[in-house]
Each structure stands twice: as structure tokens, then as C-alpha cells.
Amino acid sequence: MPHPPDTLALALTGASGARYGLRLLQCLLQAGVRVHLMVSEPGRLVTELETDLTLPEAPADMERLLTGHFAAGPGQLRVFGREHWTAPVASGSSAPQAMAICPCTTATLAAVATGSSRSLMERAADVMLKERHRLVLVVRETPLSEIHLEHMLRLTRMGAVILPASPAFYHHPEGIDDLVDFVVARTLDHLGIRNDLIPRWGEVPGGMD
């Protein structure tokens, strides 16, 4: 992408790692990006289990809560439900320039790889692929089966970026936040959003990626 995108789609699924998705959302909003957010029901439940946030079920209520929580600008964040088929992300004529699924379950990975489009977030990912826009999937699963790997290979060949939630340690993390920021920084890089969340390679003596 020659220019940083001004609008992005972000989906949070039910994989462990809700902090990755919330931190990514925070960074995107702080960068002035307009975000079209989709949260699956398992994603909403995992967020409640892993963080201090309790996300409302209704998209409008979730939008108000997250707008206030992250001090987003008016209209900067829009939240869409599972079957909101009139959302801009559902059509190539109004699709954002890029999308991240963070964290991404292997079930969502499979749905995107096979083009099932059973929910809005799956349809949005399908639109990214057909329009040749950037799609980043932050997969959080271990170990990986042959099925998972085949789906990753298939999507990579389609042009998607498979970015496993695998933090590095060369930047000498002092806590969980630093580990989260490593994965989020790499995701932002592939979305075309400049950031300085972590030291770059070569900025840390003796570092290895």
C-alpha cells in the first residue's frame, strides 16, 4: 500500500489473545484511522474472560463503550453485528483498504480460506481477497494441524498475510504489555500504519528476530 490507509476493518474472534485485538484497536484509533469493528460472540466472551472489559452484546452499545474507553473521535469507530449485511465492509464498492483479524481462530481461518462468508467478518475478509486489498490474520493456536497449515498456505497464495501471535524477546520485554506490543507492532507494519511501539531490528544490541 503506497499510502497509509485511512479506514480499516478489524475483527476480533474467540481465540485467546483478546489483548492483541484491543491494543491494535487502540493504536489504530490513536493513529487517526477510521475503524470498522466486528466482534464475534465468542470474541466478546473471551474479552470478558481475559481483560477488564465487558463488551455489550448490542453493536451500538459496544460502539459507545469502546469510543469512550479509547477516546475515539466522533464517528471514528463503527461497530457492526454478525449479520449487518449493509455495512460498508460487505461490498467491494465501499470496502476499506485493509483488514486485520486479531486474534484469529482456526475456525475463522478455515471459513476465510474456503470463502464460506457465513458472517459479516467472513464476508469482509472475502471482499479483501477478491479486491486484492491487504488482509492480515493474526492466528493464535498451537500446535497446528495439517488442516490449519493447509488453510494458511492457501490464504498466503491468495495474497493474505498470516501473522501468528508469536512475540519475540530481542527487545527485552519487561512484561505482558511489551509482548503484546511486539505482535501489534508487526501487525501495524503489515497494515501500513507507522508506529514506534517496539525497538526496530538493529536498535537493540545483539538482537535476533
N, C-alpha and C. Protein backbone atom coordinates (compact mmCIF):
# COMPACT_ATOMS: atom_id res chain seq x y z
N MET A 1 0.85 -1.19 0.00
CA MET A 1 0.00 0.00 0.00
C MET A 1 0.89 1.25 0.00
N PRO A 2 0.81 2.08 -1.04
CA PRO A 2 1.70 3.23 -1.13
C PRO A 2 1.42 4.28 -0.08
N HIS A 3 0.18 4.41 0.36
CA HIS A 3 -0.18 5.40 1.35
C HIS A 3 -0.85 4.71 2.54
N PRO A 4 -0.63 5.22 3.75
CA PRO A 4 -1.30 4.61 4.91
C PRO A 4 -2.81 4.65 4.74
N PRO A 5 -3.49 3.58 5.03
CA PRO A 5 -4.96 3.56 4.88
C PRO A 5 -5.62 4.48 5.90
N ASP A 6 -6.70 5.14 5.47
CA ASP A 6 -7.42 5.99 6.43
C ASP A 6 -8.60 5.27 7.04
N THR A 7 -8.97 4.10 6.46
CA THR A 7 -10.06 3.29 7.00
C THR A 7 -9.64 1.83 6.99
N LEU A 8 -9.87 1.14 8.10
CA LEU A 8 -9.51 -0.26 8.24
C LEU A 8 -10.67 -1.04 8.83
N ALA A 9 -10.74 -2.30 8.47
CA ALA A 9 -11.67 -3.22 9.12
C ALA A 9 -10.89 -4.05 10.13
N LEU A 10 -11.48 -4.27 11.28
CA LEU A 10 -10.85 -5.07 12.32
C LEU A 10 -11.87 -6.04 12.88
N ALA A 11 -11.49 -7.31 12.95
CA ALA A 11 -12.36 -8.34 13.51
C ALA A 11 -11.68 -9.02 14.68
N LEU A 12 -12.41 -9.22 15.76
CA LEU A 12 -11.93 -9.94 16.94
C LEU A 12 -12.73 -11.22 17.06
N THR A 13 -12.05 -12.35 17.07
CA THR A 13 -12.73 -13.64 17.20
C THR A 13 -12.45 -14.23 18.58
N GLY A 14 -12.87 -15.48 18.77
CA GLY A 14 -12.81 -16.09 20.09
C GLY A 14 -11.52 -16.78 20.45
N ALA A 15 -10.45 -16.57 19.70
CA ALA A 15 -9.16 -17.15 20.08
C ALA A 15 -8.64 -16.44 21.33
N SER A 16 -7.87 -17.14 22.14
CA SER A 16 -7.22 -16.49 23.27
C SER A 16 -6.27 -15.42 22.72
N GLY A 17 -6.25 -14.28 23.39
CA GLY A 17 -5.42 -13.18 22.90
C GLY A 17 -6.23 -11.93 22.62
N ALA A 18 -7.30 -11.74 23.39
CA ALA A 18 -8.12 -10.56 23.20
C ALA A 18 -7.32 -9.27 23.37
N ARG A 19 -6.28 -9.33 24.19
CA ARG A 19 -5.46 -8.12 24.42
C ARG A 19 -4.77 -7.66 23.15
N TYR A 20 -4.44 -8.60 22.27
CA TYR A 20 -3.85 -8.21 20.99
C TYR A 20 -4.83 -7.34 20.21
N GLY A 21 -6.07 -7.81 20.10
CA GLY A 21 -7.06 -7.09 19.32
C GLY A 21 -7.40 -5.73 19.91
N LEU A 22 -7.54 -5.66 21.22
CA LEU A 22 -7.88 -4.39 21.86
C LEU A 22 -6.74 -3.38 21.74
N ARG A 23 -5.52 -3.86 21.90
CA ARG A 23 -4.37 -2.96 21.76
C ARG A 23 -4.23 -2.48 20.32
N LEU A 24 -4.48 -3.36 19.37
CA LEU A 24 -4.45 -2.96 17.97
C LEU A 24 -5.51 -1.91 17.70
N LEU A 25 -6.72 -2.11 18.22
CA LEU A 25 -7.79 -1.13 18.06
C LEU A 25 -7.36 0.21 18.64
N GLN A 26 -6.79 0.20 19.82
CA GLN A 26 -6.33 1.44 20.47
C GLN A 26 -5.31 2.17 19.59
N CYS A 27 -4.34 1.43 19.07
CA CYS A 27 -3.29 2.05 18.26
C CYS A 27 -3.84 2.62 16.96
N LEU A 28 -4.77 1.91 16.34
CA LEU A 28 -5.37 2.41 15.11
C LEU A 28 -6.14 3.70 15.36
N LEU A 29 -6.90 3.74 16.44
CA LEU A 29 -7.66 4.95 16.76
C LEU A 29 -6.73 6.10 17.10
N GLN A 30 -5.66 5.83 17.84
CA GLN A 30 -4.70 6.87 18.18
C GLN A 30 -3.99 7.41 16.94
N ALA A 31 -3.87 6.56 15.91
CA ALA A 31 -3.23 6.99 14.66
C ALA A 31 -4.19 7.77 13.75
N GLY A 32 -5.43 7.94 14.21
CA GLY A 32 -6.40 8.68 13.43
C GLY A 32 -7.10 7.89 12.36
N VAL A 33 -6.98 6.57 12.41
CA VAL A 33 -7.61 5.70 11.42
C VAL A 33 -9.08 5.49 11.77
N ARG A 34 -9.94 5.48 10.77
CA ARG A 34 -11.33 5.09 10.97
C ARG A 34 -11.40 3.57 10.99
N VAL A 35 -12.10 3.04 11.97
CA VAL A 35 -12.12 1.59 12.15
C VAL A 35 -13.55 1.06 12.07
N HIS A 36 -13.73 0.04 11.24
CA HIS A 36 -14.98 -0.70 11.18
C HIS A 36 -14.75 -2.01 11.94
N LEU A 37 -15.36 -2.12 13.09
CA LEU A 37 -15.07 -3.23 14.02
C LEU A 37 -16.18 -4.27 14.01
N MET A 38 -15.75 -5.53 14.03
CA MET A 38 -16.65 -6.67 14.16
C MET A 38 -16.12 -7.58 15.25
N VAL A 39 -16.97 -7.97 16.18
CA VAL A 39 -16.58 -8.85 17.28
C VAL A 39 -17.54 -10.03 17.32
N SER A 40 -17.00 -11.23 17.19
CA SER A 40 -17.86 -12.41 17.27
C SER A 40 -18.34 -12.61 18.70
N GLU A 41 -19.39 -13.39 18.87
CA GLU A 41 -19.88 -13.68 20.22
C GLU A 41 -18.80 -14.38 21.06
N PRO A 42 -18.11 -15.41 20.53
CA PRO A 42 -17.00 -15.98 21.31
C PRO A 42 -15.92 -14.94 21.61
N GLY A 43 -15.68 -14.02 20.67
CA GLY A 43 -14.69 -12.97 20.91
C GLY A 43 -15.10 -12.06 22.05
N ARG A 44 -16.39 -11.76 22.11
CA ARG A 44 -16.89 -10.92 23.20
C ARG A 44 -16.73 -11.62 24.54
N LEU A 45 -17.00 -12.93 24.58
CA LEU A 45 -16.88 -13.68 25.83
C LEU A 45 -15.43 -13.83 26.26
N VAL A 46 -14.53 -14.08 25.30
CA VAL A 46 -13.11 -14.21 25.63
C VAL A 46 -12.55 -12.88 26.13
N THR A 47 -13.00 -11.78 25.55
CA THR A 47 -12.57 -10.46 26.01
C THR A 47 -12.92 -10.27 27.48
N GLU A 48 -14.10 -10.71 27.88
CA GLU A 48 -14.52 -10.59 29.27
C GLU A 48 -13.69 -11.49 30.18
N LEU A 49 -13.30 -12.67 29.68
CA LEU A 49 -12.51 -13.60 30.48
C LEU A 49 -11.07 -13.13 30.65
N GLU A 50 -10.52 -12.49 29.62
CA GLU A 50 -9.08 -12.19 29.62
C GLU A 50 -8.74 -10.76 29.96
N THR A 51 -9.73 -9.86 29.98
CA THR A 51 -9.44 -8.45 30.25
C THR A 51 -10.43 -7.90 31.26
N ASP A 52 -10.29 -6.63 31.55
CA ASP A 52 -11.20 -5.96 32.48
C ASP A 52 -12.42 -5.38 31.77
N LEU A 53 -12.50 -5.56 30.46
CA LEU A 53 -13.61 -5.00 29.70
C LEU A 53 -14.75 -6.00 29.56
N THR A 54 -15.95 -5.53 29.77
CA THR A 54 -17.15 -6.31 29.48
C THR A 54 -17.85 -5.65 28.31
N LEU A 55 -17.82 -6.30 27.16
CA LEU A 55 -18.39 -5.71 25.96
C LEU A 55 -19.88 -6.02 25.86
N PRO A 56 -20.71 -5.02 25.65
CA PRO A 56 -22.15 -5.26 25.49
C PRO A 56 -22.43 -6.09 24.24
N GLU A 57 -23.56 -6.76 24.23
CA GLU A 57 -23.94 -7.56 23.07
C GLU A 57 -24.37 -6.68 21.89
N ALA A 58 -25.10 -5.64 22.15
CA ALA A 58 -25.62 -4.79 21.06
C ALA A 58 -24.48 -3.98 20.44
N PRO A 59 -24.33 -4.00 19.12
CA PRO A 59 -23.25 -3.25 18.47
C PRO A 59 -23.23 -1.76 18.82
N ALA A 60 -24.40 -1.14 18.90
CA ALA A 60 -24.44 0.29 19.22
C ALA A 60 -23.90 0.56 20.62
N ASP A 61 -24.25 -0.32 21.56
CA ASP A 61 -23.74 -0.16 22.93
C ASP A 61 -22.24 -0.41 22.99
N MET A 62 -21.77 -1.41 22.25
CA MET A 62 -20.35 -1.70 22.21
C MET A 62 -19.58 -0.52 21.60
N GLU A 63 -20.17 0.06 20.57
CA GLU A 63 -19.53 1.21 19.92
C GLU A 63 -19.39 2.38 20.88
N ARG A 64 -20.42 2.66 21.66
CA ARG A 64 -20.36 3.75 22.63
C ARG A 64 -19.31 3.46 23.69
N LEU A 65 -19.29 2.25 24.20
CA LEU A 65 -18.34 1.89 25.26
C LEU A 65 -16.90 2.03 24.77
N LEU A 66 -16.60 1.45 23.61
CA LEU A 66 -15.22 1.47 23.11
C LEU A 66 -14.80 2.85 22.65
N THR A 67 -15.73 3.63 22.12
CA THR A 67 -15.42 5.01 21.74
C THR A 67 -14.98 5.81 22.96
N GLY A 68 -15.70 5.64 24.06
CA GLY A 68 -15.31 6.33 25.28
C GLY A 68 -14.05 5.77 25.90
N HIS A 69 -13.92 4.46 25.90
CA HIS A 69 -12.77 3.80 26.53
C HIS A 69 -11.46 4.20 25.86
N PHE A 70 -11.48 4.33 24.54
CA PHE A 70 -10.25 4.67 23.81
C PHE A 70 -10.22 6.11 23.34
N ALA A 71 -11.17 6.91 23.80
CA ALA A 71 -11.22 8.34 23.47
C ALA A 71 -11.17 8.56 21.96
N ALA A 72 -11.95 7.79 21.23
CA ALA A 72 -12.00 7.92 19.77
C ALA A 72 -12.76 9.18 19.39
N GLY A 73 -12.48 9.69 18.20
CA GLY A 73 -13.18 10.86 17.71
C GLY A 73 -14.59 10.52 17.29
N PRO A 74 -15.44 11.53 17.11
CA PRO A 74 -16.82 11.29 16.68
C PRO A 74 -16.86 10.55 15.35
N GLY A 75 -17.55 9.43 15.33
CA GLY A 75 -17.69 8.66 14.10
C GLY A 75 -16.45 7.90 13.68
N GLN A 76 -15.39 7.96 14.47
CA GLN A 76 -14.15 7.29 14.08
C GLN A 76 -14.27 5.77 14.18
N LEU A 77 -15.07 5.30 15.13
CA LEU A 77 -15.26 3.87 15.33
C LEU A 77 -16.70 3.49 15.05
N ARG A 78 -16.87 2.47 14.19
CA ARG A 78 -18.19 1.93 13.94
C ARG A 78 -18.14 0.43 14.22
N VAL A 79 -19.16 -0.06 14.92
CA VAL A 79 -19.23 -1.48 15.27
C VAL A 79 -20.41 -2.10 14.53
N PHE A 80 -20.16 -3.23 13.89
CA PHE A 80 -21.20 -3.90 13.10
C PHE A 80 -21.44 -5.30 13.64
N GLY A 81 -22.69 -5.73 13.60
CA GLY A 81 -23.07 -7.05 14.08
C GLY A 81 -22.81 -8.14 13.05
N ARG A 82 -23.00 -9.36 13.49
CA ARG A 82 -22.70 -10.54 12.68
C ARG A 82 -23.42 -10.55 11.33
N GLU A 83 -24.65 -10.05 11.29
CA GLU A 83 -25.44 -10.12 10.06
C GLU A 83 -25.84 -8.74 9.55
N HIS A 84 -24.97 -7.78 9.76
CA HIS A 84 -25.22 -6.42 9.28
C HIS A 84 -24.74 -6.34 7.82
N TRP A 85 -25.51 -6.92 6.92
CA TRP A 85 -25.07 -7.10 5.53
C TRP A 85 -25.02 -5.80 4.73
N THR A 86 -25.58 -4.72 5.26
CA THR A 86 -25.49 -3.44 4.56
C THR A 86 -24.27 -2.63 5.01
N ALA A 87 -23.44 -3.19 5.86
CA ALA A 87 -22.23 -2.50 6.30
C ALA A 87 -21.28 -2.28 5.13
N PRO A 88 -20.51 -1.20 5.13
CA PRO A 88 -19.59 -0.93 4.02
C PRO A 88 -18.61 -2.07 3.75
N VAL A 89 -18.21 -2.79 4.80
CA VAL A 89 -17.21 -3.85 4.62
C VAL A 89 -17.74 -5.03 3.83
N ALA A 90 -19.06 -5.09 3.60
CA ALA A 90 -19.65 -6.23 2.91
C ALA A 90 -19.59 -6.11 1.40
N SER A 91 -19.12 -4.97 0.88
CA SER A 91 -19.13 -4.75 -0.56
C SER A 91 -17.80 -4.20 -1.05
N GLY A 92 -17.36 -4.69 -2.17
CA GLY A 92 -16.12 -4.20 -2.75
C GLY A 92 -16.19 -2.74 -3.17
N SER A 93 -17.41 -2.23 -3.39
CA SER A 93 -17.55 -0.84 -3.83
C SER A 93 -17.27 0.16 -2.73
N SER A 94 -17.30 -0.30 -1.47
CA SER A 94 -17.05 0.63 -0.35
C SER A 94 -16.14 0.02 0.70
N ALA A 95 -15.40 -1.00 0.31
CA ALA A 95 -14.55 -1.71 1.27
C ALA A 95 -13.37 -0.83 1.72
N PRO A 96 -12.92 -1.00 2.96
CA PRO A 96 -11.71 -0.30 3.41
C PRO A 96 -10.48 -0.83 2.70
N GLN A 97 -9.36 -0.13 2.87
CA GLN A 97 -8.15 -0.51 2.16
C GLN A 97 -7.47 -1.74 2.75
N ALA A 98 -7.78 -2.08 3.99
CA ALA A 98 -7.10 -3.20 4.63
C ALA A 98 -7.97 -3.73 5.77
N MET A 99 -7.64 -4.96 6.20
CA MET A 99 -8.38 -5.59 7.28
C MET A 99 -7.44 -6.49 8.07
N ALA A 100 -7.67 -6.52 9.37
CA ALA A 100 -6.96 -7.46 10.25
C ALA A 100 -7.98 -8.27 11.03
N ILE A 101 -7.71 -9.56 11.20
CA ILE A 101 -8.48 -10.41 12.10
C ILE A 101 -7.54 -10.75 13.24
N CYS A 102 -7.81 -10.19 14.41
CA CYS A 102 -6.84 -10.24 15.51
C CYS A 102 -7.56 -10.26 16.86
N PRO A 103 -7.51 -11.39 17.58
CA PRO A 103 -6.90 -12.65 17.19
C PRO A 103 -7.82 -13.42 16.24
N CYS A 104 -7.23 -14.37 15.53
CA CYS A 104 -7.97 -15.14 14.54
C CYS A 104 -8.01 -16.61 14.95
N THR A 105 -9.21 -17.14 15.10
CA THR A 105 -9.34 -18.56 15.41
C THR A 105 -9.07 -19.39 14.15
N THR A 106 -8.77 -20.67 14.36
CA THR A 106 -8.58 -21.54 13.20
C THR A 106 -9.91 -21.81 12.49
N ALA A 107 -11.03 -21.68 13.20
CA ALA A 107 -12.34 -21.80 12.55
C ALA A 107 -12.55 -20.64 11.58
N THR A 108 -12.20 -19.43 12.00
CA THR A 108 -12.31 -18.28 11.11
C THR A 108 -11.32 -18.40 9.95
N LEU A 109 -10.13 -18.86 10.26
CA LEU A 109 -9.13 -19.13 9.22
C LEU A 109 -9.70 -20.04 8.15
N ALA A 110 -10.35 -21.12 8.58
CA ALA A 110 -10.94 -22.08 7.64
C ALA A 110 -12.05 -21.44 6.82
N ALA A 111 -12.90 -20.66 7.48
CA ALA A 111 -14.01 -20.03 6.78
C ALA A 111 -13.52 -19.06 5.71
N VAL A 112 -12.49 -18.29 6.03
CA VAL A 112 -11.95 -17.34 5.06
C VAL A 112 -11.27 -18.09 3.92
N ALA A 113 -10.54 -19.14 4.25
CA ALA A 113 -9.82 -19.90 3.22
C ALA A 113 -10.76 -20.56 2.23
N THR A 114 -11.96 -20.91 2.69
CA THR A 114 -12.92 -21.59 1.82
C THR A 114 -14.01 -20.67 1.29
N GLY A 115 -13.98 -19.40 1.69
CA GLY A 115 -14.94 -18.43 1.18
C GLY A 115 -16.37 -18.67 1.62
N SER A 116 -16.55 -19.17 2.85
CA SER A 116 -17.90 -19.52 3.28
C SER A 116 -18.78 -18.29 3.52
N SER A 117 -18.19 -17.20 4.02
CA SER A 117 -18.92 -15.93 4.22
C SER A 117 -20.23 -16.10 4.98
N ARG A 118 -20.19 -16.82 6.07
CA ARG A 118 -21.40 -17.05 6.87
C ARG A 118 -21.71 -15.90 7.80
N SER A 119 -20.74 -15.04 8.05
CA SER A 119 -20.94 -13.89 8.92
C SER A 119 -20.35 -12.66 8.24
N LEU A 120 -20.62 -11.48 8.79
CA LEU A 120 -20.12 -10.25 8.19
C LEU A 120 -18.60 -10.23 8.16
N MET A 121 -17.95 -10.68 9.26
CA MET A 121 -16.49 -10.62 9.27
C MET A 121 -15.89 -11.56 8.22
N GLU A 122 -16.52 -12.70 8.00
CA GLU A 122 -16.03 -13.61 6.96
C GLU A 122 -16.24 -13.01 5.57
N ARG A 123 -17.39 -12.38 5.38
CA ARG A 123 -17.66 -11.71 4.11
C ARG A 123 -16.66 -10.57 3.89
N ALA A 124 -16.37 -9.81 4.95
CA ALA A 124 -15.43 -8.70 4.83
C ALA A 124 -14.05 -9.20 4.41
N ALA A 125 -13.62 -10.33 4.98
CA ALA A 125 -12.34 -10.91 4.60
C ALA A 125 -12.36 -11.38 3.15
N ASP A 126 -13.49 -11.95 2.74
CA ASP A 126 -13.65 -12.39 1.35
C ASP A 126 -13.54 -11.21 0.39
N VAL A 127 -14.12 -10.08 0.79
CA VAL A 127 -14.03 -8.87 -0.03
C VAL A 127 -12.58 -8.41 -0.15
N MET A 128 -11.82 -8.47 0.94
CA MET A 128 -10.42 -8.08 0.88
C MET A 128 -9.67 -8.91 -0.16
N LEU A 129 -9.93 -10.20 -0.18
CA LEU A 129 -9.23 -11.08 -1.10
C LEU A 129 -9.63 -10.82 -2.55
N LYS A 130 -10.94 -10.68 -2.79
CA LYS A 130 -11.38 -10.50 -4.17
C LYS A 130 -10.99 -9.14 -4.73
N GLU A 131 -10.87 -8.13 -3.86
CA GLU A 131 -10.50 -6.80 -4.30
C GLU A 131 -8.98 -6.59 -4.28
N ARG A 132 -8.24 -7.62 -3.87
CA ARG A 132 -6.77 -7.56 -3.78
C ARG A 132 -6.31 -6.49 -2.79
N HIS A 133 -7.05 -6.37 -1.68
CA HIS A 133 -6.65 -5.48 -0.60
C HIS A 133 -5.89 -6.28 0.46
N ARG A 134 -5.26 -5.56 1.36
CA ARG A 134 -4.43 -6.23 2.36
C ARG A 134 -5.29 -6.89 3.44
N LEU A 135 -5.01 -8.16 3.70
CA LEU A 135 -5.70 -8.92 4.74
C LEU A 135 -4.64 -9.58 5.63
N VAL A 136 -4.69 -9.27 6.92
CA VAL A 136 -3.74 -9.82 7.89
C VAL A 136 -4.50 -10.66 8.91
N LEU A 137 -4.09 -11.91 9.05
CA LEU A 137 -4.73 -12.81 10.01
C LEU A 137 -3.74 -13.14 11.12
N VAL A 138 -4.04 -12.68 12.33
CA VAL A 138 -3.18 -12.93 13.49
C VAL A 138 -3.68 -14.20 14.16
N VAL A 139 -3.20 -15.32 13.68
CA VAL A 139 -3.67 -16.62 14.13
C VAL A 139 -3.08 -16.93 15.51
N ARG A 140 -3.94 -17.41 16.41
CA ARG A 140 -3.48 -17.76 17.76
C ARG A 140 -3.93 -19.19 18.05
N GLU A 141 -3.04 -20.13 17.77
CA GLU A 141 -3.31 -21.54 18.02
C GLU A 141 -2.00 -22.29 18.12
N THR A 142 -1.95 -23.32 18.93
CA THR A 142 -0.76 -24.17 19.00
C THR A 142 -1.12 -25.49 19.68
N PRO A 143 -0.62 -26.61 19.17
CA PRO A 143 0.11 -26.76 17.91
C PRO A 143 -0.83 -26.63 16.73
N LEU A 144 -0.24 -26.65 15.54
CA LEU A 144 -1.02 -26.50 14.31
C LEU A 144 -1.17 -27.85 13.61
N SER A 145 -2.38 -28.14 13.18
CA SER A 145 -2.62 -29.39 12.45
C SER A 145 -2.35 -29.20 10.97
N GLU A 146 -2.37 -30.28 10.23
CA GLU A 146 -2.19 -30.20 8.78
C GLU A 146 -3.29 -29.35 8.15
N ILE A 147 -4.50 -29.46 8.69
CA ILE A 147 -5.62 -28.65 8.17
C ILE A 147 -5.32 -27.17 8.33
N HIS A 148 -4.86 -26.76 9.51
CA HIS A 148 -4.54 -25.36 9.76
C HIS A 148 -3.47 -24.88 8.79
N LEU A 149 -2.42 -25.68 8.64
CA LEU A 149 -1.30 -25.29 7.78
C LEU A 149 -1.73 -25.19 6.31
N GLU A 150 -2.60 -26.09 5.88
CA GLU A 150 -3.09 -26.03 4.51
C GLU A 150 -3.91 -24.77 4.27
N HIS A 151 -4.73 -24.40 5.25
CA HIS A 151 -5.51 -23.17 5.11
C HIS A 151 -4.60 -21.94 5.08
N MET A 152 -3.55 -21.95 5.91
CA MET A 152 -2.60 -20.83 5.91
C MET A 152 -1.89 -20.72 4.57
N LEU A 153 -1.45 -21.86 4.03
CA LEU A 153 -0.78 -21.85 2.73
C LEU A 153 -1.71 -21.34 1.64
N ARG A 154 -2.95 -21.81 1.68
CA ARG A 154 -3.93 -21.39 0.67
C ARG A 154 -4.14 -19.88 0.70
N LEU A 155 -4.29 -19.32 1.91
CA LEU A 155 -4.52 -17.89 2.02
C LEU A 155 -3.27 -17.09 1.66
N THR A 156 -2.11 -17.60 2.01
CA THR A 156 -0.87 -16.92 1.63
C THR A 156 -0.76 -16.83 0.11
N ARG A 157 -1.11 -17.88 -0.57
CA ARG A 157 -1.07 -17.88 -2.03
C ARG A 157 -2.08 -16.91 -2.62
N MET A 158 -3.15 -16.61 -1.87
CA MET A 158 -4.15 -15.64 -2.33
C MET A 158 -3.71 -14.20 -2.07
N GLY A 159 -2.62 -14.04 -1.31
CA GLY A 159 -2.13 -12.69 -1.02
C GLY A 159 -2.33 -12.22 0.40
N ALA A 160 -2.99 -13.03 1.23
CA ALA A 160 -3.17 -12.66 2.64
C ALA A 160 -1.86 -12.82 3.39
N VAL A 161 -1.76 -12.14 4.52
CA VAL A 161 -0.59 -12.25 5.39
C VAL A 161 -0.98 -13.05 6.62
N ILE A 162 -0.29 -14.16 6.85
CA ILE A 162 -0.51 -14.96 8.05
C ILE A 162 0.53 -14.52 9.08
N LEU A 163 0.06 -13.93 10.17
CA LEU A 163 0.95 -13.36 11.17
C LEU A 163 0.64 -14.01 12.52
N PRO A 164 1.28 -15.14 12.82
CA PRO A 164 1.00 -15.82 14.09
C PRO A 164 1.31 -14.91 15.29
N ALA A 165 0.54 -15.05 16.33
CA ALA A 165 0.77 -14.26 17.55
C ALA A 165 1.95 -14.86 18.30
N SER A 166 3.16 -14.58 17.77
CA SER A 166 4.40 -15.15 18.32
C SER A 166 5.33 -14.02 18.71
N PRO A 167 5.29 -13.57 19.96
CA PRO A 167 6.15 -12.47 20.39
C PRO A 167 7.63 -12.86 20.33
N ALA A 168 8.48 -11.87 20.09
CA ALA A 168 9.93 -12.06 20.16
C ALA A 168 10.44 -11.53 21.51
N PHE A 169 11.73 -11.71 21.74
CA PHE A 169 12.29 -11.32 23.03
C PHE A 169 13.55 -10.47 22.90
N TYR A 170 13.96 -10.17 21.64
CA TYR A 170 15.19 -9.40 21.48
C TYR A 170 15.08 -7.98 22.01
N HIS A 171 13.85 -7.48 22.17
CA HIS A 171 13.67 -6.13 22.69
C HIS A 171 13.58 -6.12 24.22
N HIS A 172 13.93 -7.25 24.84
CA HIS A 172 13.97 -7.37 26.31
C HIS A 172 12.66 -6.94 26.96
N PRO A 173 11.57 -7.65 26.66
CA PRO A 173 10.28 -7.28 27.24
C PRO A 173 10.31 -7.36 28.76
N GLU A 174 9.66 -6.40 29.39
CA GLU A 174 9.62 -6.35 30.85
C GLU A 174 8.28 -6.82 31.40
N GLY A 175 7.34 -7.12 30.53
CA GLY A 175 6.04 -7.57 31.00
C GLY A 175 5.16 -7.98 29.83
N ILE A 176 3.92 -8.35 30.16
CA ILE A 176 2.99 -8.81 29.13
C ILE A 176 2.71 -7.72 28.11
N ASP A 177 2.62 -6.48 28.55
CA ASP A 177 2.32 -5.40 27.61
C ASP A 177 3.35 -5.31 26.51
N ASP A 178 4.63 -5.53 26.85
CA ASP A 178 5.69 -5.47 25.84
C ASP A 178 5.56 -6.62 24.84
N LEU A 179 5.14 -7.79 25.31
CA LEU A 179 4.94 -8.93 24.42
C LEU A 179 3.76 -8.68 23.48
N VAL A 180 2.69 -8.11 24.03
CA VAL A 180 1.53 -7.76 23.22
C VAL A 180 1.92 -6.73 22.16
N ASP A 181 2.69 -5.73 22.57
CA ASP A 181 3.07 -4.67 21.65
C ASP A 181 3.93 -5.18 20.49
N PHE A 182 4.73 -6.21 20.73
CA PHE A 182 5.53 -6.75 19.63
C PHE A 182 4.62 -7.26 18.51
N VAL A 183 3.63 -8.07 18.88
CA VAL A 183 2.72 -8.62 17.87
C VAL A 183 1.90 -7.51 17.22
N VAL A 184 1.44 -6.57 18.00
CA VAL A 184 0.64 -5.47 17.46
C VAL A 184 1.48 -4.60 16.52
N ALA A 185 2.74 -4.36 16.88
CA ALA A 185 3.61 -3.55 16.02
C ALA A 185 3.82 -4.22 14.67
N ARG A 186 4.03 -5.53 14.67
CA ARG A 186 4.21 -6.24 13.40
C ARG A 186 2.92 -6.21 12.58
N THR A 187 1.78 -6.28 13.26
CA THR A 187 0.51 -6.21 12.55
C THR A 187 0.32 -4.83 11.93
N LEU A 188 0.62 -3.79 12.68
CA LEU A 188 0.52 -2.42 12.16
C LEU A 188 1.44 -2.23 10.96
N ASP A 189 2.64 -2.81 11.03
CA ASP A 189 3.57 -2.71 9.90
C ASP A 189 2.93 -3.25 8.63
N HIS A 190 2.29 -4.40 8.74
CA HIS A 190 1.71 -5.03 7.55
C HIS A 190 0.40 -4.38 7.12
N LEU A 191 -0.18 -3.57 7.99
CA LEU A 191 -1.36 -2.79 7.61
C LEU A 191 -0.98 -1.44 7.01
N GLY A 192 0.31 -1.13 7.06
CA GLY A 192 0.78 0.14 6.51
C GLY A 192 0.66 1.31 7.46
N ILE A 193 0.60 1.04 8.78
CA ILE A 193 0.46 2.09 9.79
C ILE A 193 1.79 2.25 10.51
N ARG A 194 2.39 3.43 10.39
CA ARG A 194 3.66 3.69 11.06
C ARG A 194 3.48 3.65 12.58
N ASN A 195 4.48 3.10 13.26
CA ASN A 195 4.40 3.02 14.72
C ASN A 195 5.80 2.88 15.29
N ASP A 196 5.90 3.18 16.58
CA ASP A 196 7.18 3.00 17.28
C ASP A 196 6.95 2.27 18.60
N LEU A 197 6.10 1.25 18.55
CA LEU A 197 5.77 0.51 19.76
C LEU A 197 6.97 -0.25 20.33
N ILE A 198 7.83 -0.74 19.45
CA ILE A 198 8.98 -1.54 19.89
C ILE A 198 10.23 -1.05 19.17
N PRO A 199 11.42 -1.32 19.74
CA PRO A 199 12.66 -1.01 19.02
C PRO A 199 12.76 -1.85 17.75
N ARG A 200 13.26 -1.25 16.68
CA ARG A 200 13.42 -1.96 15.43
C ARG A 200 14.69 -2.81 15.45
N TRP A 201 14.72 -3.78 14.53
CA TRP A 201 15.91 -4.62 14.41
C TRP A 201 17.14 -3.75 14.18
N GLY A 202 18.19 -4.01 14.95
CA GLY A 202 19.39 -3.19 14.87
C GLY A 202 19.44 -2.10 15.92
N GLU A 203 18.29 -1.79 16.52
CA GLU A 203 18.26 -0.79 17.60
C GLU A 203 18.55 -1.41 18.95
N VAL A 204 18.49 -2.75 19.01
CA VAL A 204 18.78 -3.45 20.27
C VAL A 204 20.06 -4.25 20.06
N PRO A 205 21.14 -3.94 20.77
CA PRO A 205 22.41 -4.64 20.57
C PRO A 205 22.25 -6.16 20.79
N GLY A 206 22.76 -6.91 19.83
CA GLY A 206 22.72 -8.37 19.98
C GLY A 206 21.36 -8.97 19.73
N GLY A 207 20.41 -8.19 19.17
CA GLY A 207 19.05 -8.70 18.98
C GLY A 207 18.94 -9.69 17.84
N MET A 208 17.94 -10.55 17.96
CA MET A 208 17.64 -11.53 16.91
C MET A 208 16.14 -11.58 16.72
N ASP A 209 15.68 -11.66 15.49
CA ASP A 209 14.24 -11.76 15.23
C ASP A 209 13.84 -13.21 15.09
